[in-house]
Amino acid sequence: MLGRFASAGAIWVALGLSSGCATYAKDLERAQRHYEANEFARALAVLRLLGEDEAALGEAEQVRYAYLRGMTDYRLSSLTTDHTQTAFRSCARDWLGLALEGSKQYGRALSEGERTRARQALADVSAAPGSGGACLTAGER
């Protein structure tokens, strides 16, 4: 009898974990919808929250996360003119570099158009002041 409860408990835990992963994927999709609707501040808010649990995403999703984070920072940098512009440009450089590096291993994570946009944006922000990797956690560098 106890064995049945243990098995049932394991099933519930597995279901809970898989729905958690689905939630992260949905959050990534929501961030992308905000980005595509030019709602960059909202996209960044979702991405920052998702970034706290980024490791829960699959490898290809992590590449997409880095791409969206970088492109969102890049777009926000063009909407500001004060000291935050420098910070956004520096972060865009870090995230886009990570996305392009990851797309070499997970080629289907980004479309060719996304890779082209990322390369163009990275070329634009490559001279951004700030130390490289300042926007990334130690595990992402």
Protein backbone atom coordinates (compact mmCIF):
# COMPACT_ATOMS: atom_id res chain seq x y z
CA MET A 1 0.00 0.00 0.00
CA LEU A 2 2.80 2.40 0.90
CA GLY A 3 4.42 1.61 -2.46
CA ARG A 4 1.33 2.84 -4.31
CA PHE A 5 1.43 6.15 -2.48
CA ALA A 6 5.14 6.53 -3.22
CA SER A 7 4.51 5.85 -6.92
CA ALA A 8 1.59 8.27 -7.00
CA GLY A 9 3.73 10.87 -5.26
CA ALA A 10 6.48 10.45 -7.83
CA ILE A 11 3.97 10.94 -10.64
CA TRP A 12 2.64 14.16 -9.06
CA VAL A 13 6.17 15.49 -8.61
CA ALA A 14 7.01 14.70 -12.24
CA LEU A 15 3.83 16.40 -13.43
CA GLY A 16 4.62 19.43 -11.31
CA LEU A 17 8.13 19.68 -12.71
CA SER A 18 6.99 19.32 -16.30
CA SER A 19 4.32 21.99 -15.87
CA GLY A 20 6.98 24.24 -14.35
CA CYS A 21 9.10 23.86 -17.47
CA ALA A 22 6.04 24.61 -19.58
CA THR A 23 5.53 27.77 -17.57
CA TYR A 24 9.08 28.93 -18.33
CA ALA A 25 8.55 28.24 -22.02
CA LYS A 26 5.28 30.21 -21.91
CA ASP A 27 7.05 33.09 -20.18
CA LEU A 28 9.63 33.09 -22.97
CA GLU A 29 6.83 33.15 -25.56
CA ARG A 30 5.15 36.00 -23.67
CA ALA A 31 8.39 37.99 -23.67
CA GLN A 32 8.70 37.41 -27.41
CA ARG A 33 5.14 38.63 -28.00
CA HIS A 34 5.91 41.81 -26.06
CA TYR A 35 9.12 42.27 -28.04
CA GLU A 36 7.35 41.77 -31.37
CA ALA A 37 4.66 44.29 -30.31
CA ASN A 38 7.42 46.85 -29.57
CA GLU A 39 6.58 46.66 -25.88
CA PHE A 40 10.25 46.51 -24.91
CA ALA A 41 9.88 47.51 -21.25
CA ARG A 42 7.31 44.76 -20.74
CA ALA A 43 9.48 42.25 -22.58
CA LEU A 44 12.43 43.18 -20.38
CA ALA A 45 10.35 42.80 -17.22
CA VAL A 46 9.30 39.28 -18.21
CA LEU A 47 12.84 38.37 -19.27
CA ARG A 48 14.35 39.63 -16.02
CA LEU A 49 11.94 37.51 -14.01
CA LEU A 50 12.56 34.54 -16.25
CA GLY A 51 16.30 35.11 -15.93
CA GLU A 52 16.12 34.18 -12.27
CA ASP A 53 15.25 30.62 -13.40
CA GLU A 54 16.96 30.61 -16.80
CA ALA A 55 18.65 27.28 -16.03
CA ALA A 56 15.20 25.65 -16.08
CA LEU A 57 14.99 26.36 -19.82
CA GLY A 58 16.30 23.86 -22.34
CA GLU A 59 19.55 24.68 -24.14
CA ALA A 60 17.85 25.98 -27.30
CA GLU A 61 15.45 28.03 -25.17
CA GLN A 62 18.42 29.54 -23.35
CA VAL A 63 19.79 30.67 -26.72
CA ARG A 64 16.41 32.22 -27.54
CA TYR A 65 16.35 33.86 -24.11
CA ALA A 66 19.79 35.41 -24.72
CA TYR A 67 18.71 36.60 -28.17
CA LEU A 68 15.50 38.20 -26.88
CA ARG A 69 17.28 39.73 -23.91
CA GLY A 70 20.00 41.17 -26.15
CA MET A 71 17.63 42.51 -28.78
CA THR A 72 15.34 43.98 -26.11
CA ASP A 73 18.28 45.78 -24.50
CA TYR A 74 19.38 46.94 -27.96
CA ARG A 75 15.95 48.36 -28.78
CA LEU A 76 15.68 50.04 -25.39
CA SER A 77 19.11 51.64 -25.90
CA SER A 78 17.77 53.45 -28.96
CA LEU A 79 14.89 54.90 -26.91
CA THR A 80 17.07 56.47 -24.23
CA THR A 81 19.67 59.20 -24.33
CA ASP A 82 20.98 59.28 -20.77
CA HIS A 83 23.36 57.01 -18.86
CA THR A 84 20.94 54.08 -19.23
CA GLN A 85 21.67 54.01 -22.95
CA THR A 86 25.24 52.94 -22.21
CA ALA A 87 24.06 50.23 -19.82
CA PHE A 88 21.51 48.89 -22.33
CA ARG A 89 24.11 48.86 -25.12
CA SER A 90 26.63 47.07 -22.93
CA CYS A 91 24.06 44.46 -21.90
CA ALA A 92 22.92 44.03 -25.51
CA ARG A 93 26.52 43.29 -26.48
CA ASP A 94 26.84 40.64 -23.77
CA TRP A 95 23.54 38.88 -24.44
CA LEU A 96 23.81 38.97 -28.24
CA GLY A 97 27.33 37.56 -28.08
CA LEU A 98 26.05 34.74 -25.90
CA ALA A 99 23.10 34.09 -28.25
CA LEU A 100 25.27 33.95 -31.35
CA GLU A 101 27.76 31.67 -29.65
CA GLY A 102 24.95 29.37 -28.49
CA SER A 103 23.35 29.34 -31.94
CA LYS A 104 26.49 27.67 -33.30
CA GLN A 105 25.69 24.62 -31.17
CA TYR A 106 21.89 24.86 -31.36
CA GLY A 107 21.40 26.06 -34.92
CA ARG A 108 17.63 25.78 -34.91
CA ALA A 109 17.27 27.97 -31.82
CA LEU A 110 17.43 31.09 -34.01
CA SER A 111 16.25 31.65 -37.55
CA GLU A 112 18.72 32.94 -40.13
CA GLY A 113 16.96 36.32 -39.98
CA GLU A 114 17.38 36.44 -36.21
CA ARG A 115 21.06 35.56 -36.49
CA THR A 116 21.51 38.32 -39.08
CA ARG A 117 19.72 40.88 -36.88
CA ALA A 118 21.79 39.79 -33.89
CA ARG A 119 25.05 40.14 -35.84
CA GLN A 120 24.05 43.61 -37.10
CA ALA A 121 23.03 44.77 -33.62
CA LEU A 122 26.20 43.29 -32.12
CA ALA A 123 28.32 45.16 -34.66
CA ASP A 124 26.51 48.37 -33.70
CA VAL A 125 27.11 47.94 -29.95
CA SER A 126 30.52 46.26 -30.09
CA ALA A 127 32.27 49.43 -28.97
CA ALA A 128 29.89 50.02 -26.07
CA PRO A 129 31.74 51.06 -22.93
CA GLY A 130 31.70 48.78 -19.95
CA SER A 131 33.41 45.57 -19.09
CA GLY A 132 32.31 42.57 -21.12
CA GLY A 133 30.06 40.16 -19.31
CA ALA A 134 28.93 42.66 -16.68
CA CYS A 135 25.29 41.84 -17.42
CA LEU A 136 25.75 38.08 -17.27
CA THR A 137 25.88 35.88 -14.21
CA ALA A 138 29.10 34.01 -13.47
CA GLY A 139 27.66 30.81 -14.97
CA GLU A 140 26.83 32.52 -18.27
CA ARG A 141 30.26 34.06 -18.92
